[in-house]
C-alpha atoms as a PDB file:
ATOM      1  CA  MET A   1     191.758 235.264 142.358  1.00  0.00           C
ATOM      2  CA  PRO A   2     189.976 236.861 145.382  1.00  0.00           C
ATOM      3  CA  PRO A   3     189.666 234.701 148.531  1.00  0.00           C
ATOM      4  CA  LYS A   4     186.365 232.988 149.144  1.00  0.00           C
ATOM      5  CA  LYS A   5     184.002 234.697 151.553  1.00  0.00           C
ATOM      6  CA  ALA A   6     183.752 232.956 154.941  1.00  0.00           C
ATOM      7  CA  ARG A   7     180.430 231.172 155.358  1.00  0.00           C
ATOM      8  CA  THR A   8     178.430 230.333 158.458  1.00  0.00           C
ATOM      9  CA  ASP A   9     177.819 226.725 159.499  1.00  0.00           C
ATOM     10  CA  ILE A  10     174.175 227.040 158.437  1.00  0.00           C
ATOM     11  CA  GLU A  11     175.241 228.225 154.982  1.00  0.00           C
ATOM     12  CA  LEU A  12     177.716 225.329 154.735  1.00  0.00           C
ATOM     13  CA  ILE A  13     175.038 222.754 155.578  1.00  0.00           C
ATOM     14  CA  GLU A  14     172.730 224.306 152.993  1.00  0.00           C
ATOM     15  CA  GLN A  15     175.560 224.184 150.464  1.00  0.00           C
ATOM     16  CA  LEU A  16     176.289 220.544 151.330  1.00  0.00           C
ATOM     17  CA  THR A  17     172.656 219.483 150.970  1.00  0.00           C
ATOM     18  CA  ALA A  18     172.403 221.159 147.575  1.00  0.00           C
ATOM     19  CA  ALA A  19     175.813 219.842 146.495  1.00  0.00           C
ATOM     20  CA  ARG A  20     174.897 216.275 147.401  1.00  0.00           C
ATOM     21  CA  ASP A  21     172.010 216.232 144.940  1.00  0.00           C
ATOM     22  CA  ARG A  22     174.101 217.884 142.240  1.00  0.00           C
ATOM     23  CA  ILE A  23     176.995 215.443 142.752  1.00  0.00           C
ATOM     24  CA  LYS A  24     174.664 212.458 142.566  1.00  0.00           C
ATOM     25  CA  ASN A  25     172.990 213.864 139.461  1.00  0.00           C
ATOM     26  CA  GLU A  26     176.344 214.330 137.753  1.00  0.00           C
ATOM     27  CA  ILE A  27     177.547 210.844 138.676  1.00  0.00           C
ATOM     28  CA  ALA A  28     174.169 209.427 137.565  1.00  0.00           C
ATOM     29  CA  ARG A  29     174.964 210.714 134.065  1.00  0.00           C
ATOM     30  CA  VAL A  30     177.810 208.169 134.030  1.00  0.00           C
ATOM     31  CA  ILE A  31     176.858 205.497 136.588  1.00  0.00           C
ATOM     32  CA  VAL A  32     173.486 203.752 136.602  1.00  0.00           C
ATOM     33  CA  GLY A  33     172.054 203.069 140.076  1.00  0.00           C
ATOM     34  CA  GLN A  34     174.282 202.561 143.157  1.00  0.00           C
ATOM     35  CA  ASP A  35     172.675 205.494 145.033  1.00  0.00           C
ATOM     36  CA  THR A  36     173.479 204.102 148.479  1.00  0.00           C
ATOM     37  CA  ILE A  37     177.100 203.361 147.534  1.00  0.00           C
ATOM     38  CA  ILE A  38     177.580 206.915 146.246  1.00  0.00           C
ATOM     39  CA  ASP A  39     176.033 208.338 149.431  1.00  0.00           C
ATOM     40  CA  HIS A  40     178.425 206.277 151.543  1.00  0.00           C
ATOM     41  CA  LEU A  41     181.411 207.378 149.457  1.00  0.00           C
ATOM     42  CA  ILE A  42     180.467 211.018 150.060  1.00  0.00           C
ATOM     43  CA  ILE A  43     180.004 210.347 153.797  1.00  0.00           C
ATOM     44  CA  THR A  44     183.442 208.699 154.002  1.00  0.00           C
ATOM     45  CA  LEU A  45     185.056 211.670 152.290  1.00  0.00           C
ATOM     46  CA  LEU A  46     183.315 214.159 154.597  1.00  0.00           C
ATOM     47  CA  CYS A  47     184.562 212.198 157.635  1.00  0.00           C
ATOM     48  CA  ARG A  48     188.178 212.120 156.404  1.00  0.00           C
ATOM     49  CA  GLY A  49     187.879 208.348 156.250  1.00  0.00           C
ATOM     50  CA  HIS A  50     188.824 205.672 153.740  1.00  0.00           C
ATOM     51  CA  CYS A  51     186.712 203.037 152.055  1.00  0.00           C
ATOM     52  CA  LEU A  52     187.096 199.376 151.048  1.00  0.00           C
ATOM     53  CA  LEU A  53     184.848 198.377 148.132  1.00  0.00           C
ATOM     54  CA  VAL A  54     184.142 194.704 147.485  1.00  0.00           C
ATOM     55  CA  GLY A  55     182.595 193.591 144.226  1.00  0.00           C
ATOM     56  CA  VAL A  56     183.072 191.291 141.264  1.00  0.00           C
ATOM     57  CA  PRO A  57     184.798 192.673 138.145  1.00  0.00           C
ATOM     58  CA  GLY A  58     182.810 194.767 135.716  1.00  0.00           C
ATOM     59  CA  LEU A  59     180.632 196.692 138.177  1.00  0.00           C
ATOM     60  CA  ALA A  60     182.183 200.092 137.271  1.00  0.00           C
ATOM     61  CA  LYS A  61     184.021 200.605 140.581  1.00  0.00           C
ATOM     62  CA  THR A  62     186.873 202.459 138.888  1.00  0.00           C
ATOM     63  CA  LEU A  63     184.514 204.556 136.757  1.00  0.00           C
ATOM     64  CA  MET A  64     182.429 205.451 139.812  1.00  0.00           C
ATOM     65  CA  ILE A  65     185.469 206.655 141.753  1.00  0.00           C
ATOM     66  CA  SER A  66     187.001 208.583 138.844  1.00  0.00           C
ATOM     67  CA  SER A  67     183.598 210.217 138.196  1.00  0.00           C
ATOM     68  CA  LEU A  68     183.389 211.261 141.858  1.00  0.00           C
ATOM     69  CA  ALA A  69     186.895 212.750 141.626  1.00  0.00           C
ATOM     70  CA  ARG A  70     185.894 214.722 138.548  1.00  0.00           C
ATOM     71  CA  ALA A  71     182.676 216.010 140.151  1.00  0.00           C
ATOM     72  CA  LEU A  72     184.725 217.145 143.162  1.00  0.00           C
ATOM     73  CA  ASP A  73     187.542 218.628 141.037  1.00  0.00           C
ATOM     74  CA  LEU A  74     190.175 216.504 142.820  1.00  0.00           C
ATOM     75  CA  LYS A  75     193.343 214.887 141.492  1.00  0.00           C
ATOM     76  CA  PHE A  76     192.792 211.157 140.972  1.00  0.00           C
ATOM     77  CA  SER A  77     195.365 208.340 140.906  1.00  0.00           C
ATOM     78  CA  ARG A  78     194.730 204.689 140.159  1.00  0.00           C
ATOM     79  CA  ILE A  79     197.244 202.144 141.461  1.00  0.00           C
ATOM     80  CA  GLN A  80     196.905 198.599 140.148  1.00  0.00           C
ATOM     81  CA  PHE A  81     198.108 196.300 142.926  1.00  0.00           C
ATOM     82  CA  THR A  82     200.022 193.251 141.656  1.00  0.00           C
ATOM     83  CA  PRO A  83     202.292 190.670 143.350  1.00  0.00           C
ATOM     84  CA  ASP A  84     205.445 192.433 142.102  1.00  0.00           C
ATOM     85  CA  LEU A  85     204.398 195.963 143.170  1.00  0.00           C
ATOM     86  CA  MET A  86     206.942 197.599 145.506  1.00  0.00           C
ATOM     87  CA  PRO A  87     206.375 200.305 148.176  1.00  0.00           C
ATOM     88  CA  SER A  88     208.400 202.759 146.082  1.00  0.00           C
ATOM     89  CA  ASP A  89     205.900 202.271 143.253  1.00  0.00           C
ATOM     90  CA  ILE A  90     203.309 203.821 145.569  1.00  0.00           C
ATOM     91  CA  VAL A  91     205.064 206.516 147.599  1.00  0.00           C
ATOM     92  CA  GLY A  92     207.861 207.384 145.156  1.00  0.00           C
ATOM     93  CA  THR A  93     211.607 206.934 144.994  1.00  0.00           C
ATOM     94  CA  GLU A  94     214.864 208.875 144.979  1.00  0.00           C
ATOM     95  CA  VAL A  95     216.774 209.036 141.698  1.00  0.00           C
ATOM     96  CA  MET A  96     220.313 210.160 141.045  1.00  0.00           C
ATOM     97  CA  GLU A  97     220.619 213.099 138.680  1.00  0.00           C
ATOM     98  CA  GLU A  98     223.559 215.119 137.419  1.00  0.00           C
ATOM     99  CA  HIS A  99     223.553 218.899 137.135  1.00  0.00           C
ATOM    100  CA  PRO A 100     224.034 219.731 133.423  1.00  0.00           C
ATOM    101  CA  GLU A 101     226.475 222.631 134.102  1.00  0.00           C
ATOM    102  CA  THR A 102     228.419 221.734 137.256  1.00  0.00           C
ATOM    103  CA  GLY A 103     228.358 217.969 136.833  1.00  0.00           C
ATOM    104  CA  GLN A 104     227.480 217.562 140.504  1.00  0.00           C
ATOM    105  CA  ARG A 105     225.316 214.596 141.358  1.00  0.00           C
ATOM    106  CA  ARG A 106     222.447 214.651 143.793  1.00  0.00           C
ATOM    107  CA  PHE A 107     219.384 212.673 144.757  1.00  0.00           C
ATOM    108  CA  ARG A 108     215.954 213.944 143.795  1.00  0.00           C
ATOM    109  CA  PHE A 109     212.711 212.492 145.123  1.00  0.00           C
ATOM    110  CA  VAL A 110     210.206 211.582 142.435  1.00  0.00           C
ATOM    111  CA  ARG A 111     206.718 211.521 143.914  1.00  0.00           C
ATOM    112  CA  GLY A 112     204.615 208.421 143.456  1.00  0.00           C
ATOM    113  CA  PRO A 113     200.911 208.151 142.637  1.00  0.00           C
ATOM    114  CA  VAL A 114     199.959 208.423 146.329  1.00  0.00           C
ATOM    115  CA  PHE A 115     200.427 212.195 146.016  1.00  0.00           C
ATOM    116  CA  ALA A 116     196.844 212.806 144.902  1.00  0.00           C
ATOM    117  CA  SER A 117     193.569 213.544 146.665  1.00  0.00           C
ATOM    118  CA  ILE A 118     191.616 210.437 145.634  1.00  0.00           C
ATOM    119  CA  ILE A 119     193.568 207.172 145.450  1.00  0.00           C
ATOM    120  CA  LEU A 120     192.088 204.046 143.920  1.00  0.00           C
ATOM    121  CA  ALA A 121     194.020 201.047 145.295  1.00  0.00           C
ATOM    122  CA  ASP A 122     192.722 198.516 142.788  1.00  0.00           C
ATOM    123  CA  GLU A 123     192.679 194.885 144.021  1.00  0.00           C
ATOM    124  CA  ILE A 124     194.691 195.766 147.121  1.00  0.00           C
ATOM    125  CA  ASN A 125     194.787 192.137 148.273  1.00  0.00           C
ATOM    126  CA  ARG A 126     196.861 191.075 145.257  1.00  0.00           C
ATOM    127  CA  THR A 127     200.073 192.599 146.612  1.00  0.00           C
ATOM    128  CA  PRO A 128     202.193 191.352 149.562  1.00  0.00           C
ATOM    129  CA  PRO A 129     201.843 192.879 153.062  1.00  0.00           C
ATOM    130  CA  LYS A 130     205.091 194.841 152.656  1.00  0.00           C
ATOM    131  CA  THR A 131     203.510 196.849 149.851  1.00  0.00           C
ATOM    132  CA  GLN A 132     200.056 196.985 151.429  1.00  0.00           C
ATOM    133  CA  SER A 133     201.634 198.592 154.495  1.00  0.00           C
ATOM    134  CA  ALA A 134     203.054 201.401 152.339  1.00  0.00           C
ATOM    135  CA  LEU A 135     199.559 202.893 152.428  1.00  0.00           C
ATOM    136  CA  LEU A 136     199.224 202.738 156.218  1.00  0.00           C
ATOM    137  CA  GLU A 137     201.110 205.931 157.084  1.00  0.00           C
ATOM    138  CA  SER A 138     199.410 207.743 154.221  1.00  0.00           C
ATOM    139  CA  MET A 139     195.954 206.691 155.394  1.00  0.00           C
ATOM    140  CA  GLN A 140     196.533 207.490 159.048  1.00  0.00           C
ATOM    141  CA  GLU A 141     198.876 210.497 158.972  1.00  0.00           C
ATOM    142  CA  HIS A 142     198.132 211.935 155.513  1.00  0.00           C
ATOM    143  CA  ALA A 143     201.901 212.043 155.041  1.00  0.00           C
ATOM    144  CA  VAL A 144     204.758 210.056 153.518  1.00  0.00           C
ATOM    145  CA  THR A 145     208.182 209.607 155.141  1.00  0.00           C
ATOM    146  CA  VAL A 146     211.169 208.809 152.909  1.00  0.00           C
ATOM    147  CA  GLN A 147     214.763 208.803 154.183  1.00  0.00           C
ATOM    148  CA  GLY A 148     213.675 210.616 157.325  1.00  0.00           C
ATOM    149  CA  ASP A 149     211.881 213.409 155.450  1.00  0.00           C
ATOM    150  CA  THR A 150     208.124 213.693 156.012  1.00  0.00           C
ATOM    151  CA  MET A 151     206.040 215.129 153.186  1.00  0.00           C
ATOM    152  CA  ARG A 152     202.401 216.081 153.606  1.00  0.00           C
ATOM    153  CA  LEU A 153     199.848 214.739 151.161  1.00  0.00           C
ATOM    154  CA  PRO A 154     197.281 217.020 149.520  1.00  0.00           C
ATOM    155  CA  GLU A 155     194.056 217.664 151.377  1.00  0.00           C
ATOM    156  CA  PRO A 156     191.533 216.206 151.189  1.00  0.00           C
ATOM    157  CA  PHE A 157     193.109 212.728 151.019  1.00  0.00           C
ATOM    158  CA  PHE A 158     190.837 209.774 150.369  1.00  0.00           C
ATOM    159  CA  VAL A 159     191.838 206.114 149.745  1.00  0.00           C
ATOM    160  CA  LEU A 160     189.400 203.726 148.110  1.00  0.00           C
ATOM    161  CA  ALA A 161     190.623 200.155 147.905  1.00  0.00           C
ATOM    162  CA  THR A 162     188.878 197.412 145.941  1.00  0.00           C
ATOM    163  CA  GLN A 163     188.770 193.632 146.356  1.00  0.00           C
ATOM    164  CA  ASN A 164     187.349 190.824 144.247  1.00  0.00           C
ATOM    165  CA  PRO A 165     185.340 188.513 146.569  1.00  0.00           C
ATOM    166  CA  ILE A 166     185.280 185.456 144.292  1.00  0.00           C
ATOM    167  CA  GLU A 167     188.927 184.970 143.312  1.00  0.00           C
ATOM    168  CA  GLN A 168     191.195 184.369 146.312  1.00  0.00           C
ATOM    169  CA  GLU A 169     194.017 182.314 144.756  1.00  0.00           C
ATOM    170  CA  GLY A 170     197.308 184.188 144.862  1.00  0.00           C
ATOM    171  CA  THR A 171     195.974 186.954 147.125  1.00  0.00           C
ATOM    172  CA  TYR A 172     197.152 188.344 150.460  1.00  0.00           C
ATOM    173  CA  PRO A 173     194.169 189.025 152.762  1.00  0.00           C
ATOM    174  CA  LEU A 174     194.372 192.325 154.602  1.00  0.00           C
ATOM    175  CA  PRO A 175     195.182 191.865 158.306  1.00  0.00           C
ATOM    176  CA  GLU A 176     192.558 193.011 160.807  1.00  0.00           C
ATOM    177  CA  ALA A 177     194.735 195.964 161.885  1.00  0.00           C
ATOM    178  CA  GLN A 178     194.751 197.273 158.330  1.00  0.00           C
ATOM    179  CA  LEU A 179     191.061 196.557 157.757  1.00  0.00           C
ATOM    180  CA  ASP A 180     190.345 198.691 160.815  1.00  0.00           C
ATOM    181  CA  ARG A 181     191.869 201.692 159.018  1.00  0.00           C
ATOM    182  CA  PHE A 182     188.951 201.712 156.592  1.00  0.00           C
ATOM    183  CA  MET A 183     185.916 203.600 157.828  1.00  0.00           C
ATOM    184  CA  PHE A 184     183.471 201.793 155.541  1.00  0.00           C
ATOM    185  CA  ASN A 185     183.367 198.410 153.862  1.00  0.00           C
ATOM    186  CA  LEU A 186     180.950 198.642 150.924  1.00  0.00           C
ATOM    187  CA  TRP A 187     179.673 195.663 148.945  1.00  0.00           C
ATOM    188  CA  ILE A 188     178.663 196.447 145.364  1.00  0.00           C
ATOM    189  CA  GLY A 189     176.045 194.095 143.969  1.00  0.00           C
ATOM    190  CA  TYR A 190     174.849 193.307 140.469  1.00  0.00           C
ATOM    191  CA  PRO A 191     172.509 195.835 138.820  1.00  0.00           C
ATOM    192  CA  SER A 192     168.836 195.081 138.255  1.00  0.00           C
ATOM    193  CA  ARG A 193     167.689 193.991 134.799  1.00  0.00           C
ATOM    194  CA  GLU A 194     166.399 197.490 133.995  1.00  0.00           C
ATOM    195  CA  GLU A 195     169.642 199.074 135.201  1.00  0.00           C
ATOM    196  CA  GLU A 196     171.728 196.648 133.141  1.00  0.00           C
ATOM    197  CA  ILE A 197     169.734 197.497 130.014  1.00  0.00           C
ATOM    198  CA  GLU A 198     170.410 201.183 130.687  1.00  0.00           C
ATOM    199  CA  ILE A 199     174.127 200.463 131.234  1.00  0.00           C
ATOM    200  CA  VAL A 200     174.392 198.666 127.898  1.00  0.00           C
ATOM    201  CA  MET A 201     172.485 201.437 126.096  1.00  0.00           C
ATOM    202  CA  ARG A 202     174.840 204.105 127.490  1.00  0.00           C
ATOM    203  CA  THR A 203     178.128 202.298 127.046  1.00  0.00           C
ATOM    204  CA  THR A 204     177.694 200.945 123.531  1.00  0.00           C
ATOM    205  CA  GLY A 205     177.092 204.308 121.864  1.00  0.00           C
ATOM    206  CA  GLY A 206     179.549 206.912 120.682  1.00  0.00           C
ATOM    207  CA  GLU A 207     178.815 209.702 123.178  1.00  0.00           C
ATOM    208  CA  GLU A 208     181.251 210.262 126.058  1.00  0.00           C
ATOM    209  CA  ILE A 209     179.658 211.789 129.155  1.00  0.00           C
ATOM    210  CA  LEU A 210     181.823 213.572 131.731  1.00  0.00           C
ATOM    211  CA  PRO A 211     180.575 214.863 135.094  1.00  0.00           C
ATOM    212  CA  GLN A 212     180.702 218.602 135.721  1.00  0.00           C
ATOM    213  CA  LYS A 213     182.676 220.022 138.638  1.00  0.00           C
ATOM    214  CA  ILE A 214     180.520 220.734 141.706  1.00  0.00           C
ATOM    215  CA  LEU A 215     182.943 221.300 144.615  1.00  0.00           C
ATOM    216  CA  ASP A 216     186.668 221.940 144.873  1.00  0.00           C
ATOM    217  CA  ALA A 217     189.290 220.957 147.470  1.00  0.00           C
ATOM    218  CA  ASP A 218     188.743 224.064 149.628  1.00  0.00           C
ATOM    219  CA  ASP A 219     184.990 223.461 149.730  1.00  0.00           C
ATOM    220  CA  ILE A 220     185.502 219.849 150.798  1.00  0.00           C
ATOM    221  CA  VAL A 221     187.965 220.745 153.574  1.00  0.00           C
ATOM    222  CA  SER A 222     185.468 223.323 154.898  1.00  0.00           C
ATOM    223  CA  LEU A 223     182.700 220.703 154.864  1.00  0.00           C
ATOM    224  CA  GLN A 224     184.964 218.165 156.592  1.00  0.00           C
ATOM    225  CA  ASN A 225     185.588 220.700 159.358  1.00  0.00           C
ATOM    226  CA  LEU A 226     181.846 221.350 159.564  1.00  0.00           C
ATOM    227  CA  VAL A 227     181.039 217.651 160.117  1.00  0.00           C
ATOM    228  CA  ARG A 228     183.444 217.573 163.068  1.00  0.00           C
ATOM    229  CA  LYS A 229     181.696 220.567 164.648  1.00  0.00           C
ATOM    230  CA  ILE A 230     178.180 219.122 164.457  1.00  0.00           C
ATOM    231  CA  PRO A 231     177.078 218.289 168.044  1.00  0.00           C
ATOM    232  CA  ALA A 232     175.937 214.788 168.964  1.00  0.00           C
ATOM    233  CA  ALA A 233     173.625 214.277 171.933  1.00  0.00           C
ATOM    234  CA  GLU A 234     174.930 212.116 174.774  1.00  0.00           C
ATOM    235  CA  ASP A 235     172.233 209.483 174.254  1.00  0.00           C
ATOM    236  CA  VAL A 236     173.204 209.161 170.568  1.00  0.00           C
ATOM    237  CA  VAL A 237     176.882 208.759 171.497  1.00  0.00           C
ATOM    238  CA  SER A 238     175.935 206.186 174.151  1.00  0.00           C
ATOM    239  CA  PHE A 239     173.852 204.330 171.569  1.00  0.00           C
ATOM    240  CA  ALA A 240     176.820 204.151 169.162  1.00  0.00           C
ATOM    241  CA  VAL A 241     179.266 203.084 171.858  1.00  0.00           C
ATOM    242  CA  ASP A 242     176.899 200.394 173.173  1.00  0.00           C
ATOM    243  CA  LEU A 243     176.357 199.088 169.644  1.00  0.00           C
ATOM    244  CA  ALA A 244     180.122 198.722 169.103  1.00  0.00           C
ATOM    245  CA  ARG A 245     180.719 197.233 172.554  1.00  0.00           C
ATOM    246  CA  LYS A 246     178.013 194.599 172.104  1.00  0.00           C
ATOM    247  CA  THR A 247     180.017 193.110 169.223  1.00  0.00           C
ATOM    248  CA  ARG A 248     182.717 192.068 171.740  1.00  0.00           C
ATOM    249  CA  PRO A 249     182.146 188.561 173.152  1.00  0.00           C
ATOM    250  CA  ASP A 250     183.901 189.382 176.453  1.00  0.00           C
ATOM    251  CA  ASP A 251     181.698 192.430 177.125  1.00  0.00           C
ATOM    252  CA  GLY A 252     179.109 191.952 179.853  1.00  0.00           C
ATOM    253  CA  GLY A 253     176.355 193.506 177.731  1.00  0.00           C
ATOM    254  CA  ALA A 254     176.938 191.303 174.680  1.00  0.00           C
ATOM    255  CA  PRO A 255     174.008 189.018 173.729  1.00  0.00           C
ATOM    256  CA  PRO A 256     174.575 185.242 173.980  1.00  0.00           C
ATOM    257  CA  TYR A 257     174.743 184.805 170.194  1.00  0.00           C
ATOM    258  CA  ILE A 258     177.693 187.222 170.043  1.00  0.00           C
ATOM    259  CA  ARG A 259     179.646 184.932 172.377  1.00  0.00           C
ATOM    260  CA  ASP A 260     178.765 181.992 170.122  1.00  0.00           C
ATOM    261  CA  TRP A 261     179.421 183.626 166.758  1.00  0.00           C
ATOM    262  CA  VAL A 262     182.126 186.276 167.287  1.00  0.00           C
ATOM    263  CA  ARG A 263     185.773 185.737 168.234  1.00  0.00           C
ATOM    264  CA  TRP A 264     186.805 189.391 168.118  1.00  0.00           C
ATOM    265  CA  GLY A 265     184.538 192.419 167.997  1.00  0.00           C
ATOM    266  CA  ALA A 266     184.906 196.030 166.887  1.00  0.00           C
ATOM    267  CA  GLY A 267     187.331 198.366 168.662  1.00  0.00           C
ATOM    268  CA  PRO A 268     186.896 202.011 169.723  1.00  0.00           C
ATOM    269  CA  ARG A 269     187.561 203.242 166.199  1.00  0.00           C
ATOM    270  CA  ALA A 270     184.194 201.746 165.242  1.00  0.00           C
ATOM    271  CA  SER A 271     182.436 203.893 167.857  1.00  0.00           C
ATOM    272  CA  GLN A 272     184.150 206.991 166.484  1.00  0.00           C
ATOM    273  CA  TYR A 273     183.183 206.181 162.895  1.00  0.00           C
ATOM    274  CA  LEU A 274     179.576 205.430 163.865  1.00  0.00           C
ATOM    275  CA  ILE A 275     179.243 208.953 165.272  1.00  0.00           C
ATOM    276  CA  LEU A 276     181.174 210.656 162.472  1.00  0.00           C
ATOM    277  CA  GLY A 277     179.136 208.801 159.847  1.00  0.00           C
ATOM    278  CA  ALA A 278     175.907 209.742 161.627  1.00  0.00           C
ATOM    279  CA  LYS A 279     176.984 213.397 161.720  1.00  0.00           C
ATOM    280  CA  ALA A 280     177.763 213.385 157.998  1.00  0.00           C
ATOM    281  CA  GLN A 281     174.440 211.679 157.213  1.00  0.00           C
ATOM    282  CA  ALA A 282     172.572 214.317 159.196  1.00  0.00           C
ATOM    283  CA  ALA A 283     174.437 217.145 157.446  1.00  0.00           C
ATOM    284  CA  LEU A 284     173.717 215.654 154.011  1.00  0.00           C
ATOM    285  CA  ASP A 285     170.022 215.599 154.915  1.00  0.00           C
ATOM    286  CA  GLY A 286     170.144 219.239 156.019  1.00  0.00           C
ATOM    287  CA  ARG A 287     169.865 218.473 159.742  1.00  0.00           C
ATOM    288  CA  TYR A 288     172.002 220.002 162.477  1.00  0.00           C
ATOM    289  CA  ALA A 289     172.387 216.990 164.800  1.00  0.00           C
ATOM    290  CA  PRO A 290     172.517 213.207 164.255  1.00  0.00           C
ATOM    291  CA  SER A 291     169.934 210.745 165.561  1.00  0.00           C
ATOM    292  CA  LYS A 292     170.032 207.070 166.499  1.00  0.00           C
ATOM    293  CA  ALA A 293     168.554 206.324 163.082  1.00  0.00           C
ATOM    294  CA  ASP A 294     171.626 207.935 161.493  1.00  0.00           C
ATOM    295  CA  VAL A 295     173.853 205.650 163.571  1.00  0.00           C
ATOM    296  CA  ARG A 296     171.857 202.628 162.402  1.00  0.00           C
ATOM    297  CA  SER A 297     172.160 203.766 158.777  1.00  0.00           C
ATOM    298  CA  VAL A 298     175.969 203.508 158.889  1.00  0.00           C
ATOM    299  CA  ALA A 299     176.232 200.508 161.233  1.00  0.00           C
ATOM    300  CA  MET A 300     176.573 197.901 158.469  1.00  0.00           C
ATOM    301  CA  PRO A 301     179.482 199.472 156.507  1.00  0.00           C
ATOM    302  CA  VAL A 302     181.265 200.457 159.739  1.00  0.00           C
ATOM    303  CA  LEU A 303     181.016 197.131 161.565  1.00  0.00           C
ATOM    304  CA  ARG A 304     180.902 194.267 159.090  1.00  0.00           C
ATOM    305  CA  HIS A 305     184.664 194.183 158.379  1.00  0.00           C
ATOM    306  CA  ARG A 306     185.539 194.574 162.064  1.00  0.00           C
ATOM    307  CA  LEU A 307     184.008 191.305 163.270  1.00  0.00           C
ATOM    308  CA  VAL A 308     185.987 188.051 163.286  1.00  0.00           C
ATOM    309  CA  THR A 309     183.495 185.180 163.368  1.00  0.00           C
ATOM    310  CA  THR A 310     183.898 181.766 164.984  1.00  0.00           C
ATOM    311  CA  PHE A 311     183.867 178.323 163.386  1.00  0.00           C
ATOM    312  CA  ALA A 312     180.431 177.830 164.927  1.00  0.00           C
ATOM    313  CA  ALA A 313     179.102 180.825 162.969  1.00  0.00           C
ATOM    314  CA  GLU A 314     180.589 179.505 159.730  1.00  0.00           C
ATOM    315  CA  ALA A 315     179.100 176.055 160.394  1.00  0.00           C
ATOM    316  CA  GLU A 316     175.676 177.615 160.879  1.00  0.00           C
ATOM    317  CA  GLY A 317     176.023 179.768 157.747  1.00  0.00           C
ATOM    318  CA  VAL A 318     176.123 182.997 159.753  1.00  0.00           C
ATOM    319  CA  PHE A 319     178.316 185.810 158.457  1.00  0.00           C
ATOM    320  CA  ALA A 320     179.373 189.184 159.840  1.00  0.00           C
ATOM    321  CA  PRO A 321     176.653 191.180 157.988  1.00  0.00           C
ATOM    322  CA  ASP A 322     173.983 188.879 159.456  1.00  0.00           C
ATOM    323  CA  ILE A 323     175.307 189.532 162.953  1.00  0.00           C
ATOM    324  CA  VAL A 324     175.453 193.312 162.445  1.00  0.00           C
ATOM    325  CA  GLU A 325     171.915 193.384 161.057  1.00  0.00           C
ATOM    326  CA  LYS A 326     170.592 191.351 163.979  1.00  0.00           C
ATOM    327  CA  LEU A 327     172.433 193.448 166.569  1.00  0.00           C
ATOM    328  CA  ALA A 328     171.483 196.836 165.068  1.00  0.00           C
ATOM    329  CA  GLY A 329     167.840 195.758 164.868  1.00  0.00           C
ATOM    330  CA  GLU A 330     167.798 194.916 168.571  1.00  0.00           C
ATOM    331  CA  GLN A 331     169.355 198.190 169.741  1.00  0.00           C
ATOM    332  CA  SER A 332     166.909 200.839 170.956  1.00  0.00           C
END
C-alpha cells in the first residue's frame, strides 16, 4: 500500500472539519441526540486526553463509545470493572508454556485488554484502588510495565471510564489524583421525549445499523499533532490560567465565594486542558486559533471534577458545576 501523501496544516484542518460532520452523522445513525457529548469525546481524543462519563444505566454509553471506535476504525476493548478484578486482568499476565519439541519451559506475556486504542473502563469505581491504579501508567505514559519490561500501547490511546451516579454502595470513589488524569468529566442526561420515542423505534426493529469508517489511526495521530501546533494568543492563555487559578481558595484573585465553597481548586493540568480543548474546538470549527469563547466552552467538563467543595457549599446546595458556571460567567 503506497504511503499517504503529506498534507499541509490547512488541509488537515479542512479534513478535520469535514470529518467531524461525517463522524457525527455516522454515530447519529446509531445514537439519538447527545451532540455535545460526542463533540467533547472527539475533542478529548484530539487532545490525547481521557474522559470520565457519568450517567445512569441504559443511556447507551457503551454503544456510543463502540460506535465512535468503529467510525474511527480503531480497536476497541471493554473492561467491566468488578470488585474481584485484578490488575493482571487489565494489563495482561505471564503464563508458563512448554516448547512442544524441546520440552523447555518459558514464560510468555499474554496481553490484556488494555492493548487497544479505545478502552471502555465500565463502572471504574466498582473495583478497588489497586486495580484502578493499573490504568494510571497506561493513561499517563501510554505504556505498560511488567516484570521490568515496558511495552508501548497502540496510538492513539484513549480511555473512557464510566460511573453510575445513583448507586454508591460497594463502590470505591476515585481519588482526586486519579480524577485529575481525566481531561473531561461528561454527564450524560436523559433523552427528551421525542428522542426517547426515536430510540425505541430504532432499537425494537430487526435492522442492525453500523457506522461507516471515516478516519483511521494514522489520520487521528496527524490531527492530534495538528492540535498541538495551533497557536494560542497570550491573552487567551492568560484567560485560561486565570480561570483555573480562581478556583483555588488560597489564590489572591479568587472571589470570596470560592473561599467559602471550595476546599481545593484545580491544578495546572486544568490550565493545560483548557487551552488544548480550546485549540481542538477551534480546529473542529475550521478556525486556526482559539478564542476565549472556546475556553469557556470546555470549562465545565475540564473543571467540575477538579473542585473539592466545602461543607458550607453542601449545606447551601451548591455543587461544583454551579461554581464553575458562576466563575466562567464572570470571567472576561
